Protein backbone atom coordinates (compact mmCIF):
# COMPACT_ATOMS: atom_id res chain seq x y z
CA MET A 1 -29.68 -8.56 -0.39
CA LYS A 2 -26.09 -7.84 -1.18
CA LEU A 3 -23.42 -6.75 1.30
CA ILE A 4 -20.69 -4.42 0.02
CA LYS A 5 -17.71 -4.14 2.37
CA LYS A 6 -15.96 -0.78 2.72
CA ASN A 7 -12.93 -1.86 0.68
CA GLU A 8 -14.98 -3.35 -2.17
CA GLY A 9 -15.78 -1.58 -5.40
CA GLU A 10 -14.34 -0.72 -8.78
CA TYR A 11 -12.13 2.36 -9.11
CA TYR A 12 -13.09 4.67 -11.95
CA ASP A 13 -12.60 8.18 -13.31
CA PRO A 14 -16.05 9.78 -13.40
CA PRO A 15 -16.77 12.16 -16.26
CA ALA A 16 -16.73 15.91 -15.54
CA HIS A 17 -14.98 15.39 -12.15
CA SER A 18 -11.61 16.91 -11.26
CA ASN A 19 -9.17 16.16 -8.43
CA CYS A 20 -11.35 13.27 -7.35
CA TYR A 21 -10.91 9.55 -6.64
CA SER A 22 -14.04 7.45 -6.99
CA THR A 23 -15.16 3.89 -6.40
CA LYS A 24 -18.32 2.39 -7.89
CA LYS A 25 -20.11 0.46 -5.16
CA ILE A 26 -23.52 -0.44 -6.64
CA THR A 27 -24.29 -0.37 -10.37
CA PRO A 28 -26.44 -2.23 -12.90
CA GLU A 29 -23.33 -4.31 -13.62
CA THR A 30 -23.28 -5.49 -9.99
CA GLY A 31 -26.94 -6.46 -9.99
CA SER A 32 -28.86 -3.26 -9.19
CA GLN A 33 -31.63 -2.42 -11.63
CA LYS A 34 -32.11 1.27 -10.80
CA LEU A 35 -29.55 2.28 -8.21
CA ILE A 36 -26.01 3.58 -8.65
CA VAL A 37 -23.88 4.34 -5.59
CA SER A 38 -20.32 5.55 -5.71
CA HIS A 39 -17.87 6.75 -3.11
CA SER A 40 -15.92 9.86 -4.14
CA TYR A 41 -13.00 11.49 -2.40
CA PHE A 42 -12.49 15.08 -3.54
CA LEU A 43 -9.05 16.62 -3.11
CA PRO A 44 -8.74 20.35 -2.31
CA ASN A 45 -10.02 22.42 -5.25
CA GLY A 46 -11.66 19.30 -6.68
CA GLY A 47 -15.14 19.40 -8.09
CA CYS A 48 -17.59 18.25 -10.68
CA ASP A 49 -19.94 19.66 -13.27
CA MET A 50 -23.31 17.99 -12.96
CA GLY A 51 -24.45 19.44 -16.29
CA SER A 52 -27.65 17.88 -17.48
CA ALA A 53 -27.23 14.47 -15.89
CA PRO A 54 -30.21 12.23 -16.76
CA VAL A 55 -30.37 10.86 -13.20
CA GLU A 56 -30.77 12.40 -9.78
CA ARG A 57 -27.68 12.42 -7.60
CA ILE A 58 -27.26 12.57 -3.86
CA TYR A 59 -24.05 13.73 -2.22
CA HIS A 60 -23.63 12.69 1.42
CA VAL A 61 -20.57 14.26 3.01
CA LEU A 62 -18.73 12.01 5.45
CA SER A 63 -15.94 14.42 6.39
CA GLY A 64 -14.66 17.80 5.29
CA THR A 65 -16.87 20.25 3.43
CA LEU A 66 -18.19 20.52 -0.10
CA GLN A 67 -19.25 23.72 -1.80
CA VAL A 68 -22.08 23.21 -4.28
CA LYS A 69 -23.21 25.84 -6.76
CA GLY A 70 -26.80 25.61 -7.92
CA LYS A 71 -28.43 26.57 -11.20
CA ASN A 72 -29.35 30.05 -9.94
CA ASN A 73 -25.79 30.66 -8.65
CA ASP A 74 -26.95 29.70 -5.16
CA VAL A 75 -24.02 28.40 -3.10
CA TYR A 76 -24.44 25.67 -0.50
CA GLU A 77 -21.87 24.63 2.09
CA VAL A 78 -22.33 20.91 2.76
CA GLY A 79 -20.60 19.53 5.85
CA PRO A 80 -20.13 16.21 7.65
CA GLY A 81 -23.43 14.33 7.88
CA ASP A 82 -25.18 16.68 5.41
CA MET A 83 -26.79 15.53 2.15
CA ILE A 84 -27.66 17.50 -0.96
CA TYR A 85 -29.53 16.46 -4.10
C-alpha cells in the first residue's frame, strides 16, 4: 500500500488541456503498474480534448461543474460527486 497525502504529487501540464492545473498523484513512475491518477483543477472556460486516448479515463468532480461533450455530440453536465468515463 502507498499513502498519498493531499499536498503530494508532481505538477504537470497535461497534453490537450487548456486553462487547467494538474498534479500527478499515482503513475508508473511512482510504483503503480496499471493505474494513473491525477488531480486537475479547471479554470472557467477550461477543457480538454480526449481525442483517441489509449486508456480509459474517469473524471470525478469534487466541486463546481464540468460540461463533457461525447462522440455523438451528446452533452453531459457533471456536478459535485458525479463521475463520468
